[in-house]
All heavy atoms as atom14 arrays in JSON, in Angstrom:
{
  "sequence": "PSSHPTGQPAPGRHKTKTIVLFGETGAGKSSLVNLMAGKEVAYTSPD",
  "atom14_mask": [
    [1, 1, 1, 1, 1, 1, 1, 0, 0, 0, 0, 0, 0, 0],
    [1, 1, 1, 1, 1, 1, 0, 0, 0, 0, 0, 0, 0, 0],
    [1, 1, 1, 1, 1, 1, 0, 0, 0, 0, 0, 0, 0, 0],
    [1, 1, 1, 1, 1, 1, 1, 1, 1, 1, 0, 0, 0, 0],
    [1, 1, 1, 1, 1, 1, 1, 0, 0, 0, 0, 0, 0, 0],
    [1, 1, 1, 1, 1, 1, 1, 0, 0, 0, 0, 0, 0, 0],
    [1, 1, 1, 1, 0, 0, 0, 0, 0, 0, 0, 0, 0, 0],
    [1, 1, 1, 1, 1, 1, 1, 1, 1, 0, 0, 0, 0, 0],
    [1, 1, 1, 1, 1, 1, 1, 0, 0, 0, 0, 0, 0, 0],
    [1, 1, 1, 1, 1, 0, 0, 0, 0, 0, 0, 0, 0, 0],
    [1, 1, 1, 1, 1, 1, 1, 0, 0, 0, 0, 0, 0, 0],
    [1, 1, 1, 1, 0, 0, 0, 0, 0, 0, 0, 0, 0, 0],
    [1, 1, 1, 1, 1, 1, 1, 1, 1, 1, 1, 0, 0, 0],
    [1, 1, 1, 1, 1, 1, 1, 1, 1, 1, 0, 0, 0, 0],
    [1, 1, 1, 1, 1, 1, 1, 1, 1, 0, 0, 0, 0, 0],
    [1, 1, 1, 1, 1, 1, 1, 0, 0, 0, 0, 0, 0, 0],
    [1, 1, 1, 1, 1, 1, 1, 1, 1, 0, 0, 0, 0, 0],
    [1, 1, 1, 1, 1, 1, 1, 0, 0, 0, 0, 0, 0, 0],
    [1, 1, 1, 1, 1, 1, 1, 1, 0, 0, 0, 0, 0, 0],
    [1, 1, 1, 1, 1, 1, 1, 0, 0, 0, 0, 0, 0, 0],
    [1, 1, 1, 1, 1, 1, 1, 1, 0, 0, 0, 0, 0, 0],
    [1, 1, 1, 1, 1, 1, 1, 1, 1, 1, 1, 0, 0, 0],
    [1, 1, 1, 1, 0, 0, 0, 0, 0, 0, 0, 0, 0, 0],
    [1, 1, 1, 1, 1, 1, 1, 1, 1, 0, 0, 0, 0, 0],
    [1, 1, 1, 1, 1, 1, 1, 0, 0, 0, 0, 0, 0, 0],
    [1, 1, 1, 1, 0, 0, 0, 0, 0, 0, 0, 0, 0, 0],
    [1, 1, 1, 1, 1, 0, 0, 0, 0, 0, 0, 0, 0, 0],
    [1, 1, 1, 1, 0, 0, 0, 0, 0, 0, 0, 0, 0, 0],
    [1, 1, 1, 1, 1, 1, 1, 1, 1, 0, 0, 0, 0, 0],
    [1, 1, 1, 1, 1, 1, 0, 0, 0, 0, 0, 0, 0, 0],
    [1, 1, 1, 1, 1, 1, 0, 0, 0, 0, 0, 0, 0, 0],
    [1, 1, 1, 1, 1, 1, 1, 1, 0, 0, 0, 0, 0, 0],
    [1, 1, 1, 1, 1, 1, 1, 0, 0, 0, 0, 0, 0, 0],
    [1, 1, 1, 1, 1, 1, 1, 1, 0, 0, 0, 0, 0, 0],
    [1, 1, 1, 1, 1, 1, 1, 1, 0, 0, 0, 0, 0, 0],
    [1, 1, 1, 1, 1, 1, 1, 1, 0, 0, 0, 0, 0, 0],
    [1, 1, 1, 1, 1, 0, 0, 0, 0, 0, 0, 0, 0, 0],
    [1, 1, 1, 1, 0, 0, 0, 0, 0, 0, 0, 0, 0, 0],
    [1, 1, 1, 1, 1, 1, 1, 1, 1, 0, 0, 0, 0, 0],
    [1, 1, 1, 1, 1, 1, 1, 1, 1, 0, 0, 0, 0, 0],
    [1, 1, 1, 1, 1, 1, 1, 0, 0, 0, 0, 0, 0, 0],
    [1, 1, 1, 1, 1, 0, 0, 0, 0, 0, 0, 0, 0, 0],
    [1, 1, 1, 1, 1, 1, 1, 1, 1, 1, 1, 1, 0, 0],
    [1, 1, 1, 1, 1, 1, 1, 0, 0, 0, 0, 0, 0, 0],
    [1, 1, 1, 1, 1, 1, 0, 0, 0, 0, 0, 0, 0, 0],
    [1, 1, 1, 1, 1, 1, 1, 0, 0, 0, 0, 0, 0, 0],
    [1, 1, 1, 1, 1, 1, 1, 1, 0, 0, 0, 0, 0, 0]
  ],
  "atom14_positions": [
    [[0.78, -1.21, 0.0], [0.02, 0.01, -0.03], [0.83, 1.28, -0.02], [0.34, 2.35, -0.31], [-0.78, -0.13, 1.3], [-0.84, -1.61, 1.62], [0.48, -2.08, 1.1], [0.0, 0.0, 0.0], [0.0, 0.0, 0.0], [0.0, 0.0, 0.0], [0.0, 0.0, 0.0], [0.0, 0.0, 0.0], [0.0, 0.0, 0.0], [0.0, 0.0, 0.0]],
    [[2.16, 1.15, 0.35], [3.0, 2.36, 0.47], [3.46, 2.82, -0.87], [4.22, 3.84, -0.98], [4.19, 2.1, 1.4], [4.97, 1.04, 0.88], [0.0, 0.0, 0.0], [0.0, 0.0, 0.0], [0.0, 0.0, 0.0], [0.0, 0.0, 0.0], [0.0, 0.0, 0.0], [0.0, 0.0, 0.0], [0.0, 0.0, 0.0], [0.0, 0.0, 0.0]],
    [[3.18, 2.1, -1.94], [3.69, 2.4, -3.26], [2.62, 2.8, -4.18], [1.49, 2.27, -4.17], [4.47, 1.22, -3.86], [5.56, 0.89, -3.04], [0.0, 0.0, 0.0], [0.0, 0.0, 0.0], [0.0, 0.0, 0.0], [0.0, 0.0, 0.0], [0.0, 0.0, 0.0], [0.0, 0.0, 0.0], [0.0, 0.0, 0.0], [0.0, 0.0, 0.0]],
    [[2.91, 3.74, -5.12], [2.02, 4.07, -6.17], [2.08, 3.02, -7.28], [3.05, 2.23, -7.31], [2.39, 5.42, -6.76], [2.02, 6.56, -5.87], [0.75, 6.81, -5.4], [2.79, 7.53, -5.3], [0.75, 7.88, -4.63], [1.96, 8.36, -4.56], [0.0, 0.0, 0.0], [0.0, 0.0, 0.0], [0.0, 0.0, 0.0], [0.0, 0.0, 0.0]],
    [[1.13, 2.96, -8.2], [1.18, 1.99, -9.27], [2.45, 2.15, -10.09], [2.9, 1.22, -10.72], [-0.05, 2.37, -10.15], [-1.03, 2.93, -9.16], [-0.13, 3.74, -8.17], [0.0, 0.0, 0.0], [0.0, 0.0, 0.0], [0.0, 0.0, 0.0], [0.0, 0.0, 0.0], [0.0, 0.0, 0.0], [0.0, 0.0, 0.0], [0.0, 0.0, 0.0]],
    [[3.06, 3.33, -10.11], [4.27, 3.53, -10.89], [5.47, 2.92, -10.24], [6.59, 2.88, -10.79], [4.59, 5.04, -11.04], [4.65, 5.62, -9.75], [3.43, 5.72, -11.8], [0.0, 0.0, 0.0], [0.0, 0.0, 0.0], [0.0, 0.0, 0.0], [0.0, 0.0, 0.0], [0.0, 0.0, 0.0], [0.0, 0.0, 0.0], [0.0, 0.0, 0.0]],
    [[5.31, 2.42, -8.97], [6.46, 1.86, -8.27], [7.14, 2.9, -7.42], [8.1, 2.54, -6.67], [0.0, 0.0, 0.0], [0.0, 0.0, 0.0], [0.0, 0.0, 0.0], [0.0, 0.0, 0.0], [0.0, 0.0, 0.0], [0.0, 0.0, 0.0], [0.0, 0.0, 0.0], [0.0, 0.0, 0.0], [0.0, 0.0, 0.0], [0.0, 0.0, 0.0]],
    [[6.74, 4.12, -7.46], [7.38, 5.17, -6.65], [6.79, 5.19, -5.24], [5.61, 4.88, -5.04], [7.21, 6.54, -7.29], [7.81, 6.63, -8.72], [9.33, 6.39, -8.66], [10.04, 6.93, -7.76], [9.8, 5.58, -9.57], [0.0, 0.0, 0.0], [0.0, 0.0, 0.0], [0.0, 0.0, 0.0], [0.0, 0.0, 0.0], [0.0, 0.0, 0.0]],
    [[7.56, 5.56, -4.25], [7.07, 5.63, -2.86], [5.99, 6.68, -2.72], [6.02, 7.7, -3.44], [8.29, 5.94, -2.06], [9.27, 6.57, -2.99], [8.98, 5.95, -4.32], [0.0, 0.0, 0.0], [0.0, 0.0, 0.0], [0.0, 0.0, 0.0], [0.0, 0.0, 0.0], [0.0, 0.0, 0.0], [0.0, 0.0, 0.0], [0.0, 0.0, 0.0]],
    [[5.06, 6.46, -1.82], [4.02, 7.45, -1.62], [4.61, 8.7, -0.97], [5.66, 8.64, -0.35], [2.97, 6.83, -0.67], [0.0, 0.0, 0.0], [0.0, 0.0, 0.0], [0.0, 0.0, 0.0], [0.0, 0.0, 0.0], [0.0, 0.0, 0.0], [0.0, 0.0, 0.0], [0.0, 0.0, 0.0], [0.0, 0.0, 0.0], [0.0, 0.0, 0.0]],
    [[3.96, 9.83, -1.14], [4.44, 11.08, -0.58], [4.67, 10.91, 0.91], [3.86, 10.36, 1.66], [3.33, 12.08, -0.9], [2.59, 11.51, -2.07], [2.67, 10.03, -1.94], [0.0, 0.0, 0.0], [0.0, 0.0, 0.0], [0.0, 0.0, 0.0], [0.0, 0.0, 0.0], [0.0, 0.0, 0.0], [0.0, 0.0, 0.0], [0.0, 0.0, 0.0]],
    [[5.82, 11.51, 1.37], [6.14, 11.42, 2.83], [6.87, 10.22, 3.2], [7.28, 10.04, 4.33], [0.0, 0.0, 0.0], [0.0, 0.0, 0.0], [0.0, 0.0, 0.0], [0.0, 0.0, 0.0], [0.0, 0.0, 0.0], [0.0, 0.0, 0.0], [0.0, 0.0, 0.0], [0.0, 0.0, 0.0], [0.0, 0.0, 0.0], [0.0, 0.0, 0.0]],
    [[7.1, 9.3, 2.25], [7.83, 8.07, 2.59], [9.07, 7.96, 1.67], [8.99, 8.28, 0.5], [6.93, 6.81, 2.41], [5.83, 6.77, 3.34], [5.24, 5.4, 3.44], [6.24, 4.41, 3.72], [6.0, 3.26, 4.4], [4.81, 3.08, 4.89], [6.95, 2.42, 4.62], [0.0, 0.0, 0.0], [0.0, 0.0, 0.0], [0.0, 0.0, 0.0]],
    [[10.15, 7.48, 2.26], [11.35, 7.33, 1.51], [11.33, 6.0, 0.76], [10.77, 4.99, 1.25], [12.6, 7.39, 2.38], [12.78, 8.73, 3.01], [13.15, 9.82, 2.38], [12.62, 9.07, 4.35], [13.25, 10.85, 3.23], [12.93, 10.41, 4.43], [0.0, 0.0, 0.0], [0.0, 0.0, 0.0], [0.0, 0.0, 0.0], [0.0, 0.0, 0.0]],
    [[11.92, 5.96, -0.41], [12.01, 4.74, -1.16], [12.89, 3.69, -0.46], [13.91, 4.06, 0.1], [12.62, 5.04, -2.57], [13.0, 3.83, -3.39], [13.63, 4.18, -4.65], [14.11, 2.97, -5.47], [15.17, 2.25, -4.83], [0.0, 0.0, 0.0], [0.0, 0.0, 0.0], [0.0, 0.0, 0.0], [0.0, 0.0, 0.0], [0.0, 0.0, 0.0]],
    [[12.42, 2.48, -0.41], [13.25, 1.42, 0.18], [14.48, 1.19, -0.71], [14.39, 1.04, -1.89], [12.43, 0.12, 0.27], [11.32, 0.31, 1.14], [13.32, -1.02, 0.84], [0.0, 0.0, 0.0], [0.0, 0.0, 0.0], [0.0, 0.0, 0.0], [0.0, 0.0, 0.0], [0.0, 0.0, 0.0], [0.0, 0.0, 0.0], [0.0, 0.0, 0.0]],
    [[15.61, 1.22, -0.06], [16.86, 1.09, -0.78], [17.24, -0.41, -0.95], [16.97, -1.21, 0.02], [18.0, 1.81, -0.08], [17.75, 3.31, 0.16], [17.64, 4.06, -1.16], [17.5, 5.55, -0.89], [17.42, 6.3, -2.16], [0.0, 0.0, 0.0], [0.0, 0.0, 0.0], [0.0, 0.0, 0.0], [0.0, 0.0, 0.0], [0.0, 0.0, 0.0]],
    [[17.81, -0.76, -2.06], [18.16, -2.16, -2.36], [19.67, -2.3, -2.23], [20.45, -1.59, -2.95], [17.69, -2.58, -3.74], [16.24, -2.48, -3.75], [18.09, -4.01, -4.05], [0.0, 0.0, 0.0], [0.0, 0.0, 0.0], [0.0, 0.0, 0.0], [0.0, 0.0, 0.0], [0.0, 0.0, 0.0], [0.0, 0.0, 0.0], [0.0, 0.0, 0.0]],
    [[20.13, -3.27, -1.44], [21.55, -3.52, -1.19], [21.84, -4.99, -1.59], [21.14, -5.9, -1.13], [21.92, -3.28, 0.25], [21.64, -1.81, 0.61], [23.38, -3.61, 0.47], [21.79, -1.52, 2.1], [0.0, 0.0, 0.0], [0.0, 0.0, 0.0], [0.0, 0.0, 0.0], [0.0, 0.0, 0.0], [0.0, 0.0, 0.0], [0.0, 0.0, 0.0]],
    [[22.88, -5.19, -2.4], [23.4, -6.55, -2.61], [24.62, -6.76, -1.81], [25.61, -6.02, -1.97], [23.63, -6.78, -4.12], [24.32, -8.11, -4.37], [22.31, -6.74, -4.92], [0.0, 0.0, 0.0], [0.0, 0.0, 0.0], [0.0, 0.0, 0.0], [0.0, 0.0, 0.0], [0.0, 0.0, 0.0], [0.0, 0.0, 0.0], [0.0, 0.0, 0.0]],
    [[24.56, -7.72, -0.91], [25.65, -8.06, -0.02], [26.39, -9.29, -0.64], [25.79, -10.32, -0.9], [25.14, -8.36, 1.38], [26.11, -8.89, 2.43], [27.25, -7.94, 2.69], [25.32, -9.24, 3.71], [0.0, 0.0, 0.0], [0.0, 0.0, 0.0], [0.0, 0.0, 0.0], [0.0, 0.0, 0.0], [0.0, 0.0, 0.0], [0.0, 0.0, 0.0]],
    [[27.72, -9.21, -0.75], [28.45, -10.33, -1.31], [29.84, -10.42, -0.62], [30.3, -9.52, 0.02], [28.59, -10.24, -2.83], [29.53, -9.15, -3.32], [30.83, -9.44, -3.75], [29.03, -7.84, -3.37], [31.65, -8.43, -4.2], [29.9, -6.81, -3.84], [31.23, -7.13, -4.27], [0.0, 0.0, 0.0], [0.0, 0.0, 0.0], [0.0, 0.0, 0.0]],
    [[30.43, -11.59, -0.75], [31.73, -11.89, -0.16], [31.87, -13.39, 0.04], [30.95, -14.13, -0.19], [0.0, 0.0, 0.0], [0.0, 0.0, 0.0], [0.0, 0.0, 0.0], [0.0, 0.0, 0.0], [0.0, 0.0, 0.0], [0.0, 0.0, 0.0], [0.0, 0.0, 0.0], [0.0, 0.0, 0.0], [0.0, 0.0, 0.0], [0.0, 0.0, 0.0]],
    [[33.02, -13.83, 0.41], [33.28, -15.22, 0.58], [32.54, -15.8, 1.8], [32.18, -15.06, 2.72], [34.81, -15.47, 0.81], [35.69, -15.08, -0.39], [37.15, -15.36, -0.11], [37.52, -16.54, 0.14], [37.95, -14.43, -0.05], [0.0, 0.0, 0.0], [0.0, 0.0, 0.0], [0.0, 0.0, 0.0], [0.0, 0.0, 0.0], [0.0, 0.0, 0.0]],
    [[32.28, -17.1, 1.73], [31.72, -17.77, 2.9], [32.68, -17.62, 4.07], [33.89, -17.82, 3.98], [31.49, -19.26, 2.58], [30.59, -19.37, 1.48], [30.96, -20.05, 3.79], [0.0, 0.0, 0.0], [0.0, 0.0, 0.0], [0.0, 0.0, 0.0], [0.0, 0.0, 0.0], [0.0, 0.0, 0.0], [0.0, 0.0, 0.0], [0.0, 0.0, 0.0]],
    [[32.11, -17.25, 5.26], [32.97, -17.12, 6.4], [33.46, -15.66, 6.61], [34.08, -15.36, 7.6], [0.0, 0.0, 0.0], [0.0, 0.0, 0.0], [0.0, 0.0, 0.0], [0.0, 0.0, 0.0], [0.0, 0.0, 0.0], [0.0, 0.0, 0.0], [0.0, 0.0, 0.0], [0.0, 0.0, 0.0], [0.0, 0.0, 0.0], [0.0, 0.0, 0.0]],
    [[33.08, -14.78, 5.68], [33.49, -13.36, 5.85], [32.64, -12.66, 6.94], [33.07, -11.62, 7.45], [33.33, -12.61, 4.48], [0.0, 0.0, 0.0], [0.0, 0.0, 0.0], [0.0, 0.0, 0.0], [0.0, 0.0, 0.0], [0.0, 0.0, 0.0], [0.0, 0.0, 0.0], [0.0, 0.0, 0.0], [0.0, 0.0, 0.0], [0.0, 0.0, 0.0]],
    [[31.49, -13.22, 7.25], [30.64, -12.63, 8.29], [29.48, -11.89, 7.7], [28.97, -10.92, 8.34], [0.0, 0.0, 0.0], [0.0, 0.0, 0.0], [0.0, 0.0, 0.0], [0.0, 0.0, 0.0], [0.0, 0.0, 0.0], [0.0, 0.0, 0.0], [0.0, 0.0, 0.0], [0.0, 0.0, 0.0], [0.0, 0.0, 0.0], [0.0, 0.0, 0.0]],
    [[28.94, -12.28, 6.54], [27.86, -11.59, 5.93], [26.56, -11.62, 6.81], [25.88, -10.61, 6.99], [27.52, -12.17, 4.57], [28.71, -12.01, 3.55], [28.27, -12.32, 2.1], [27.74, -13.72, 1.95], [28.81, -14.72, 2.22], [0.0, 0.0, 0.0], [0.0, 0.0, 0.0], [0.0, 0.0, 0.0], [0.0, 0.0, 0.0], [0.0, 0.0, 0.0]],
    [[26.23, -12.78, 7.36], [25.04, -12.91, 8.16], [25.2, -12.09, 9.43], [24.23, -11.4, 9.85], [24.77, -14.34, 8.48], [24.49, -15.14, 7.36], [0.0, 0.0, 0.0], [0.0, 0.0, 0.0], [0.0, 0.0, 0.0], [0.0, 0.0, 0.0], [0.0, 0.0, 0.0], [0.0, 0.0, 0.0], [0.0, 0.0, 0.0], [0.0, 0.0, 0.0]],
    [[26.34, -12.1, 10.04], [26.61, -11.31, 11.25], [26.54, -9.8, 10.92], [26.03, -9.0, 11.74], [27.95, -11.61, 11.86], [28.01, -12.97, 12.27], [0.0, 0.0, 0.0], [0.0, 0.0, 0.0], [0.0, 0.0, 0.0], [0.0, 0.0, 0.0], [0.0, 0.0, 0.0], [0.0, 0.0, 0.0], [0.0, 0.0, 0.0], [0.0, 0.0, 0.0]],
    [[27.0, -9.44, 9.71], [26.86, -8.04, 9.26], [25.44, -7.62, 9.15], [25.05, -6.49, 9.5], [27.62, -7.9, 7.99], [27.65, -6.45, 7.34], [28.28, -5.45, 8.31], [28.38, -6.51, 6.01], [0.0, 0.0, 0.0], [0.0, 0.0, 0.0], [0.0, 0.0, 0.0], [0.0, 0.0, 0.0], [0.0, 0.0, 0.0], [0.0, 0.0, 0.0]],
    [[24.57, -8.51, 8.58], [23.15, -8.18, 8.49], [22.58, -7.96, 9.88], [21.8, -6.96, 10.11], [22.4, -9.35, 7.8], [20.88, -9.17, 7.94], [22.8, -9.43, 6.32], [0.0, 0.0, 0.0], [0.0, 0.0, 0.0], [0.0, 0.0, 0.0], [0.0, 0.0, 0.0], [0.0, 0.0, 0.0], [0.0, 0.0, 0.0], [0.0, 0.0, 0.0]],
    [[22.91, -8.83, 10.83], [22.39, -8.64, 12.21], [22.89, -7.38, 12.84], [22.17, -6.69, 13.63], [22.78, -9.83, 13.07], [22.08, -11.13, 12.6], [20.98, -11.12, 12.05], [22.7, -12.27, 12.85], [0.0, 0.0, 0.0], [0.0, 0.0, 0.0], [0.0, 0.0, 0.0], [0.0, 0.0, 0.0], [0.0, 0.0, 0.0], [0.0, 0.0, 0.0]],
    [[24.13, -7.0, 12.59], [24.73, -5.8, 13.1], [23.91, -4.57, 12.62], [23.58, -3.7, 13.4], [26.17, -5.66, 12.67], [26.93, -4.41, 13.11], [27.08, -4.36, 14.64], [28.27, -4.33, 12.42], [0.0, 0.0, 0.0], [0.0, 0.0, 0.0], [0.0, 0.0, 0.0], [0.0, 0.0, 0.0], [0.0, 0.0, 0.0], [0.0, 0.0, 0.0]],
    [[23.67, -4.55, 11.31], [22.88, -3.42, 10.73], [21.47, -3.39, 11.32], [20.91, -2.31, 11.6], [22.85, -3.52, 9.2], [24.15, -3.2, 8.51], [23.99, -3.06, 6.72], [23.65, -4.75, 6.28], [0.0, 0.0, 0.0], [0.0, 0.0, 0.0], [0.0, 0.0, 0.0], [0.0, 0.0, 0.0], [0.0, 0.0, 0.0], [0.0, 0.0, 0.0]],
    [[20.86, -4.55, 11.45], [19.45, -4.67, 11.85], [19.29, -4.32, 13.34], [18.21, -3.88, 13.75], [18.89, -6.04, 11.58], [0.0, 0.0, 0.0], [0.0, 0.0, 0.0], [0.0, 0.0, 0.0], [0.0, 0.0, 0.0], [0.0, 0.0, 0.0], [0.0, 0.0, 0.0], [0.0, 0.0, 0.0], [0.0, 0.0, 0.0], [0.0, 0.0, 0.0]],
    [[20.34, -4.57, 14.12], [20.23, -4.31, 15.56], [19.53, -5.45, 16.28], [19.15, -5.36, 17.47], [0.0, 0.0, 0.0], [0.0, 0.0, 0.0], [0.0, 0.0, 0.0], [0.0, 0.0, 0.0], [0.0, 0.0, 0.0], [0.0, 0.0, 0.0], [0.0, 0.0, 0.0], [0.0, 0.0, 0.0], [0.0, 0.0, 0.0], [0.0, 0.0, 0.0]],
    [[19.4, -6.6, 15.58], [18.74, -7.77, 16.15], [19.08, -8.93, 15.3], [19.59, -8.82, 14.2], [17.22, -7.61, 16.27], [16.58, -7.31, 14.92], [15.1, -7.04, 15.12], [14.39, -6.73, 13.79], [12.95, -6.46, 13.94], [0.0, 0.0, 0.0], [0.0, 0.0, 0.0], [0.0, 0.0, 0.0], [0.0, 0.0, 0.0], [0.0, 0.0, 0.0]],
    [[18.76, -10.14, 15.79], [19.09, -11.36, 15.05], [18.03, -11.62, 14.03], [16.88, -12.04, 14.35], [19.15, -12.57, 16.01], [20.23, -12.48, 17.03], [21.53, -13.16, 16.56], [21.44, -14.01, 15.7], [22.62, -12.81, 17.09], [0.0, 0.0, 0.0], [0.0, 0.0, 0.0], [0.0, 0.0, 0.0], [0.0, 0.0, 0.0], [0.0, 0.0, 0.0]],
    [[18.35, -11.38, 12.78], [17.42, -11.68, 11.69], [18.02, -12.7, 10.68], [17.29, -13.32, 9.94], [17.04, -10.41, 10.92], [16.25, -9.46, 11.79], [18.28, -9.72, 10.3], [0.0, 0.0, 0.0], [0.0, 0.0, 0.0], [0.0, 0.0, 0.0], [0.0, 0.0, 0.0], [0.0, 0.0, 0.0], [0.0, 0.0, 0.0], [0.0, 0.0, 0.0]],
    [[19.33, -12.85, 10.78], [19.99, -13.81, 9.86], [20.68, -14.88, 10.7], [21.26, -14.61, 11.73], [21.05, -13.08, 9.01], [0.0, 0.0, 0.0], [0.0, 0.0, 0.0], [0.0, 0.0, 0.0], [0.0, 0.0, 0.0], [0.0, 0.0, 0.0], [0.0, 0.0, 0.0], [0.0, 0.0, 0.0], [0.0, 0.0, 0.0], [0.0, 0.0, 0.0]],
    [[20.55, -16.12, 10.21], [21.17, -17.25, 10.92], [22.69, -17.23, 10.64], [23.12, -17.09, 9.54], [20.58, -18.53, 10.41], [21.25, -19.79, 10.94], [21.11, -20.19, 12.26], [22.13, -20.54, 10.09], [21.78, -21.31, 12.77], [22.75, -21.66, 10.59], [22.6, -22.05, 11.9], [23.2, -23.16, 12.33], [0.0, 0.0, 0.0], [0.0, 0.0, 0.0]],
    [[23.46, -17.37, 11.69], [24.91, -17.43, 11.55], [25.4, -18.83, 11.91], [24.93, -19.46, 12.89], [25.63, -16.44, 12.47], [25.18, -16.66, 13.84], [25.25, -15.02, 12.09], [0.0, 0.0, 0.0], [0.0, 0.0, 0.0], [0.0, 0.0, 0.0], [0.0, 0.0, 0.0], [0.0, 0.0, 0.0], [0.0, 0.0, 0.0], [0.0, 0.0, 0.0]],
    [[26.34, -19.35, 11.09], [26.84, -20.71, 11.31], [28.3, -20.69, 11.55], [29.08, -20.31, 10.65], [26.52, -21.57, 10.11], [27.03, -22.86, 10.21], [0.0, 0.0, 0.0], [0.0, 0.0, 0.0], [0.0, 0.0, 0.0], [0.0, 0.0, 0.0], [0.0, 0.0, 0.0], [0.0, 0.0, 0.0], [0.0, 0.0, 0.0], [0.0, 0.0, 0.0]],
    [[28.79, -21.16, 12.72], [30.19, -21.17, 13.0], [30.99, -22.14, 12.15], [32.23, -21.98, 12.0], [30.26, -21.54, 14.5], [29.04, -22.27, 14.74], [27.99, -21.66, 13.85], [0.0, 0.0, 0.0], [0.0, 0.0, 0.0], [0.0, 0.0, 0.0], [0.0, 0.0, 0.0], [0.0, 0.0, 0.0], [0.0, 0.0, 0.0], [0.0, 0.0, 0.0]],
    [[30.32, -23.17, 11.63], [31.12, -24.17, 10.85], [31.31, -23.71, 9.41], [31.97, -24.43, 8.62], [30.45, -25.57, 10.92], [29.0, -25.53, 10.41], [28.61, -24.51, 9.81], [28.3, -26.49, 10.62], [0.0, 0.0, 0.0], [0.0, 0.0, 0.0], [0.0, 0.0, 0.0], [0.0, 0.0, 0.0], [0.0, 0.0, 0.0], [0.0, 0.0, 0.0]]
  ]
}
């Protein structure tokens, strides 16, 4: 509902930004997501 049919954000709302996160396995991408989010949203695997 926050978007117009043109795909533009409704007045008063900022457009959701799209980020592509990449890097080697073990670089800490999932932990980086959690750091940005301020909570656990991505599963991290120590192995």
